[in-house]
Structure formats: structure tokens, C-alpha cells
N, C-alpha and C. Protein backbone atom coordinates (compact mmCIF):
# COMPACT_ATOMS: atom_id res chain seq x y z
N MET A 1 -198.48 -92.80 -113.43
CA MET A 1 -197.09 -93.08 -113.27
C MET A 1 -196.70 -92.87 -111.81
N ASN A 2 -196.11 -93.90 -111.24
CA ASN A 2 -195.75 -93.83 -109.83
C ASN A 2 -194.23 -93.70 -109.71
N MET A 3 -193.73 -92.63 -109.16
CA MET A 3 -192.29 -92.39 -109.02
C MET A 3 -191.92 -92.30 -107.55
N LEU A 4 -190.81 -92.94 -107.24
CA LEU A 4 -190.28 -92.81 -105.89
C LEU A 4 -189.19 -91.76 -105.90
N ILE A 5 -189.26 -90.86 -105.04
CA ILE A 5 -188.23 -89.84 -104.91
C ILE A 5 -187.67 -89.94 -103.51
N ALA A 6 -186.35 -90.18 -103.45
CA ALA A 6 -185.71 -90.30 -102.14
C ALA A 6 -185.61 -88.92 -101.53
N GLU A 7 -185.84 -88.89 -100.27
CA GLU A 7 -185.75 -87.62 -99.56
C GLU A 7 -184.29 -87.36 -99.21
N TYR A 8 -183.81 -86.19 -99.52
CA TYR A 8 -182.43 -85.81 -99.25
C TYR A 8 -182.32 -85.37 -97.80
N ASP A 9 -181.34 -85.96 -97.09
CA ASP A 9 -181.10 -85.60 -95.69
C ASP A 9 -179.70 -85.03 -95.60
N TYR A 10 -179.60 -83.74 -95.40
CA TYR A 10 -178.31 -83.05 -95.36
C TYR A 10 -177.40 -83.63 -94.28
N ASP A 11 -177.92 -83.87 -93.09
CA ASP A 11 -177.10 -84.39 -91.98
C ASP A 11 -176.52 -85.76 -92.30
N VAL A 12 -177.31 -86.61 -92.94
CA VAL A 12 -176.83 -87.93 -93.32
C VAL A 12 -175.75 -87.79 -94.39
N ASP A 13 -175.97 -86.91 -95.34
CA ASP A 13 -175.00 -86.69 -96.40
C ASP A 13 -173.66 -86.22 -95.82
N ILE A 14 -173.70 -85.28 -94.91
CA ILE A 14 -172.47 -84.77 -94.28
C ILE A 14 -171.80 -85.88 -93.49
N ALA A 15 -172.56 -86.68 -92.76
CA ALA A 15 -171.99 -87.78 -91.97
C ALA A 15 -171.30 -88.79 -92.87
N VAL A 16 -171.89 -89.10 -94.00
CA VAL A 16 -171.31 -90.04 -94.95
C VAL A 16 -170.02 -89.46 -95.52
N GLN A 17 -170.04 -88.20 -95.90
CA GLN A 17 -168.84 -87.55 -96.43
C GLN A 17 -167.71 -87.55 -95.40
N ARG A 18 -168.04 -87.24 -94.16
CA ARG A 18 -167.02 -87.22 -93.11
C ARG A 18 -166.42 -88.61 -92.89
N GLU A 19 -167.26 -89.61 -92.92
CA GLU A 19 -166.78 -90.98 -92.75
C GLU A 19 -165.85 -91.38 -93.90
N GLU A 20 -166.22 -91.01 -95.11
CA GLU A 20 -165.37 -91.29 -96.27
C GLU A 20 -164.03 -90.57 -96.13
N GLU A 21 -164.06 -89.31 -95.69
CA GLU A 21 -162.83 -88.55 -95.50
C GLU A 21 -161.96 -89.17 -94.41
N ARG A 22 -162.58 -89.62 -93.33
CA ARG A 22 -161.83 -90.30 -92.26
C ARG A 22 -161.14 -91.56 -92.79
N GLU A 23 -161.85 -92.31 -93.58
CA GLU A 23 -161.28 -93.55 -94.14
C GLU A 23 -160.10 -93.24 -95.06
N ILE A 24 -160.24 -92.22 -95.89
CA ILE A 24 -159.14 -91.82 -96.78
C ILE A 24 -157.94 -91.36 -95.96
N ALA A 25 -158.18 -90.53 -94.95
CA ALA A 25 -157.09 -90.04 -94.10
C ALA A 25 -156.41 -91.19 -93.36
N LEU A 26 -157.20 -92.15 -92.90
CA LEU A 26 -156.63 -93.31 -92.21
C LEU A 26 -155.73 -94.10 -93.14
N GLN A 27 -156.19 -94.35 -94.36
CA GLN A 27 -155.39 -95.10 -95.33
C GLN A 27 -154.11 -94.36 -95.69
N GLU A 28 -154.20 -93.03 -95.84
CA GLU A 28 -153.01 -92.23 -96.12
C GLU A 28 -152.04 -92.28 -94.94
N GLY A 29 -152.56 -92.21 -93.73
CA GLY A 29 -151.72 -92.28 -92.54
C GLY A 29 -151.02 -93.63 -92.41
N ILE A 30 -151.74 -94.68 -92.70
CA ILE A 30 -151.15 -96.02 -92.65
C ILE A 30 -150.03 -96.14 -93.69
N ALA A 31 -150.29 -95.64 -94.90
CA ALA A 31 -149.28 -95.71 -95.96
C ALA A 31 -148.03 -94.92 -95.58
N GLN A 32 -148.23 -93.74 -95.01
CA GLN A 32 -147.08 -92.93 -94.59
C GLN A 32 -146.31 -93.61 -93.47
N GLY A 33 -147.04 -94.19 -92.52
CA GLY A 33 -146.39 -94.89 -91.41
C GLY A 33 -145.59 -96.09 -91.89
N GLU A 34 -146.15 -96.84 -92.82
CA GLU A 34 -145.44 -98.00 -93.37
C GLU A 34 -144.18 -97.57 -94.09
N ALA A 35 -144.26 -96.49 -94.86
CA ALA A 35 -143.09 -96.00 -95.60
C ALA A 35 -142.00 -95.54 -94.64
N LYS A 36 -142.40 -94.83 -93.60
CA LYS A 36 -141.41 -94.36 -92.62
C LYS A 36 -140.80 -95.54 -91.87
N GLY A 37 -141.62 -96.49 -91.48
CA GLY A 37 -141.13 -97.67 -90.79
C GLY A 37 -140.18 -98.47 -91.65
N PHE A 38 -140.49 -98.59 -92.92
CA PHE A 38 -139.62 -99.31 -93.84
C PHE A 38 -138.27 -98.62 -93.94
N SER A 39 -138.28 -97.29 -94.09
CA SER A 39 -137.03 -96.53 -94.19
C SER A 39 -136.20 -96.68 -92.93
N LEU A 40 -136.84 -96.58 -91.78
CA LEU A 40 -136.12 -96.74 -90.51
C LEU A 40 -135.56 -98.15 -90.38
N GLY A 41 -136.32 -99.14 -90.82
CA GLY A 41 -135.84 -100.52 -90.76
C GLY A 41 -134.62 -100.75 -91.62
N ILE A 42 -134.63 -100.17 -92.80
CA ILE A 42 -133.48 -100.28 -93.71
C ILE A 42 -132.26 -99.64 -93.07
N ALA A 43 -132.42 -98.44 -92.52
CA ALA A 43 -131.30 -97.73 -91.89
C ALA A 43 -130.75 -98.52 -90.71
N GLN A 44 -131.64 -99.05 -89.89
CA GLN A 44 -131.20 -99.84 -88.74
C GLN A 44 -130.49 -101.11 -89.19
N GLY A 45 -131.00 -101.74 -90.22
CA GLY A 45 -130.37 -102.94 -90.76
C GLY A 45 -128.97 -102.67 -91.27
N LYS A 46 -128.79 -101.53 -91.94
CA LYS A 46 -127.46 -101.17 -92.43
C LYS A 46 -126.50 -100.96 -91.27
N LEU A 47 -126.96 -100.25 -90.24
CA LEU A 47 -126.10 -100.01 -89.07
C LEU A 47 -125.70 -101.32 -88.41
N GLU A 48 -126.66 -102.22 -88.25
CA GLU A 48 -126.35 -103.51 -87.64
C GLU A 48 -125.39 -104.31 -88.52
N GLY A 49 -125.57 -104.22 -89.82
CA GLY A 49 -124.68 -104.91 -90.75
C GLY A 49 -123.26 -104.39 -90.66
N PHE A 50 -123.11 -103.07 -90.60
CA PHE A 50 -121.77 -102.49 -90.46
C PHE A 50 -121.15 -102.90 -89.14
N SER A 51 -121.95 -102.89 -88.09
CA SER A 51 -121.45 -103.26 -86.77
C SER A 51 -121.00 -104.71 -86.75
N ASP A 52 -121.81 -105.59 -87.31
CA ASP A 52 -121.46 -107.01 -87.37
C ASP A 52 -120.20 -107.22 -88.21
N GLY A 53 -120.10 -106.49 -89.31
CA GLY A 53 -118.93 -106.60 -90.17
C GLY A 53 -117.66 -106.14 -89.47
N SER A 54 -117.77 -105.06 -88.72
CA SER A 54 -116.61 -104.55 -87.98
C SER A 54 -116.17 -105.56 -86.91
N TYR A 55 -117.15 -106.15 -86.25
CA TYR A 55 -116.83 -107.14 -85.22
C TYR A 55 -116.14 -108.36 -85.84
N GLN A 56 -116.66 -108.81 -86.97
CA GLN A 56 -116.06 -109.97 -87.63
C GLN A 56 -114.63 -109.66 -88.07
N LYS A 57 -114.40 -108.44 -88.55
CA LYS A 57 -113.06 -108.04 -88.95
C LYS A 57 -112.12 -108.01 -87.74
N ALA A 58 -112.60 -107.54 -86.60
CA ALA A 58 -111.78 -107.52 -85.39
C ALA A 58 -111.42 -108.94 -84.97
N LEU A 59 -112.36 -109.87 -85.10
CA LEU A 59 -112.08 -111.27 -84.76
C LEU A 59 -111.02 -111.86 -85.70
N GLU A 60 -111.13 -111.55 -86.98
CA GLU A 60 -110.15 -112.05 -87.95
C GLU A 60 -108.75 -111.50 -87.65
N THR A 61 -108.70 -110.22 -87.32
CA THR A 61 -107.42 -109.59 -86.99
C THR A 61 -106.83 -110.23 -85.74
N ALA A 62 -107.67 -110.47 -84.76
CA ALA A 62 -107.22 -111.10 -83.52
C ALA A 62 -106.67 -112.51 -83.79
N LYS A 63 -107.34 -113.26 -84.65
CA LYS A 63 -106.86 -114.60 -85.00
C LYS A 63 -105.47 -114.53 -85.63
N THR A 64 -105.31 -113.58 -86.54
CA THR A 64 -104.01 -113.41 -87.19
C THR A 64 -102.94 -113.05 -86.18
N MET A 65 -103.28 -112.15 -85.28
CA MET A 65 -102.31 -111.72 -84.26
C MET A 65 -101.96 -112.86 -83.32
N LEU A 66 -102.95 -113.68 -82.98
CA LEU A 66 -102.67 -114.84 -82.13
C LEU A 66 -101.71 -115.79 -82.84
N ALA A 67 -101.94 -115.99 -84.13
CA ALA A 67 -101.07 -116.87 -84.91
C ALA A 67 -99.65 -116.33 -84.98
N MET A 68 -99.53 -115.02 -84.88
CA MET A 68 -98.21 -114.38 -84.93
C MET A 68 -97.62 -114.21 -83.52
N HIS A 69 -98.30 -114.76 -82.52
CA HIS A 69 -97.85 -114.79 -81.13
C HIS A 69 -97.75 -113.40 -80.49
N TYR A 70 -98.68 -112.52 -80.85
CA TYR A 70 -98.75 -111.22 -80.17
C TYR A 70 -99.23 -111.45 -78.74
N PRO A 71 -98.83 -110.61 -77.80
CA PRO A 71 -99.33 -110.72 -76.43
C PRO A 71 -100.85 -110.44 -76.40
N LEU A 72 -101.54 -111.14 -75.55
CA LEU A 72 -103.00 -111.01 -75.43
C LEU A 72 -103.40 -109.57 -75.15
N GLU A 73 -102.66 -108.91 -74.28
CA GLU A 73 -102.98 -107.52 -73.93
C GLU A 73 -102.91 -106.62 -75.16
N ASP A 74 -101.93 -106.82 -76.02
CA ASP A 74 -101.81 -106.01 -77.24
C ASP A 74 -102.96 -106.28 -78.19
N ILE A 75 -103.34 -107.54 -78.31
CA ILE A 75 -104.46 -107.90 -79.20
C ILE A 75 -105.73 -107.20 -78.72
N CYS A 76 -105.96 -107.21 -77.42
CA CYS A 76 -107.15 -106.56 -76.85
C CYS A 76 -107.17 -105.07 -77.20
N LYS A 77 -106.04 -104.41 -77.02
CA LYS A 77 -105.95 -102.97 -77.29
C LYS A 77 -106.16 -102.68 -78.77
N ILE A 78 -105.52 -103.42 -79.63
CA ILE A 78 -105.57 -103.15 -81.06
C ILE A 78 -106.94 -103.48 -81.66
N CYS A 79 -107.50 -104.60 -81.26
CA CYS A 79 -108.77 -105.06 -81.86
C CYS A 79 -110.01 -104.55 -81.14
N GLY A 80 -109.83 -104.07 -79.91
CA GLY A 80 -111.00 -103.62 -79.16
C GLY A 80 -111.87 -104.75 -78.65
N LEU A 81 -111.28 -105.91 -78.47
CA LEU A 81 -112.01 -107.08 -77.97
C LEU A 81 -111.59 -107.36 -76.53
N SER A 82 -112.43 -108.07 -75.83
CA SER A 82 -112.10 -108.47 -74.46
C SER A 82 -111.22 -109.73 -74.51
N GLU A 83 -110.58 -109.98 -73.39
CA GLU A 83 -109.75 -111.21 -73.31
C GLU A 83 -110.60 -112.45 -73.52
N ALA A 84 -111.81 -112.43 -72.97
CA ALA A 84 -112.72 -113.58 -73.09
C ALA A 84 -113.07 -113.84 -74.56
N GLU A 85 -113.30 -112.77 -75.32
CA GLU A 85 -113.62 -112.94 -76.74
C GLU A 85 -112.45 -113.52 -77.50
N ILE A 86 -111.26 -113.08 -77.16
CA ILE A 86 -110.06 -113.55 -77.85
C ILE A 86 -109.76 -115.00 -77.45
N GLU A 87 -109.98 -115.32 -76.20
CA GLU A 87 -109.69 -116.70 -75.73
C GLU A 87 -110.64 -117.71 -76.38
N LYS A 88 -111.82 -117.27 -76.81
CA LYS A 88 -112.76 -118.16 -77.50
C LYS A 88 -112.26 -118.56 -78.89
N LEU A 89 -111.34 -117.75 -79.41
CA LEU A 89 -110.82 -118.03 -80.75
C LEU A 89 -109.91 -119.23 -80.66
């Protein structure tokens, strides 16, 4: 009966284990980074959405004030818009 017995190499075994651990740690790090990036992206998107909404509301208010013949200077102060922005309306 002829049997092959593989020779155990401790150094190779440790190297393989370390490589597997590195790969697991890398995948965990990537997953954590993606989750954090996603959360930050959502928060930034909300802030930009609120900012855009506030700006649109200021433009609507300025249009109404123009229709009511408010002075341009008053519209600028109340709405927080520049004269150039209001003149574009």
C-alpha cells in the first residue's frame, strides 16, 4: 500500500492564515467605509435639499413682493437675495 503524506510546514500555514485574516479585515474595512460614506452622502444630500428648498422659497417670496410693487431694496433685505437675483425674476 502506497500512501502519500503531505508534509506540514508551520511557516506556510501561518502565512496562509495571516493572508486570510488580512483579506477578512480588508473586506470588513471596505464594508465599514461604504456604510460611513453612504451615511455622509445622505446627510449631505439632505442639507443640500434644505438649502435648495430655502432658496426656492426666497425666490417665490421675492416674486410675490415684486408683484405687490415692494421696493427692490426691501425685497433684498427680506428675502436675503441680491439685486441681480431678483432682477432675473
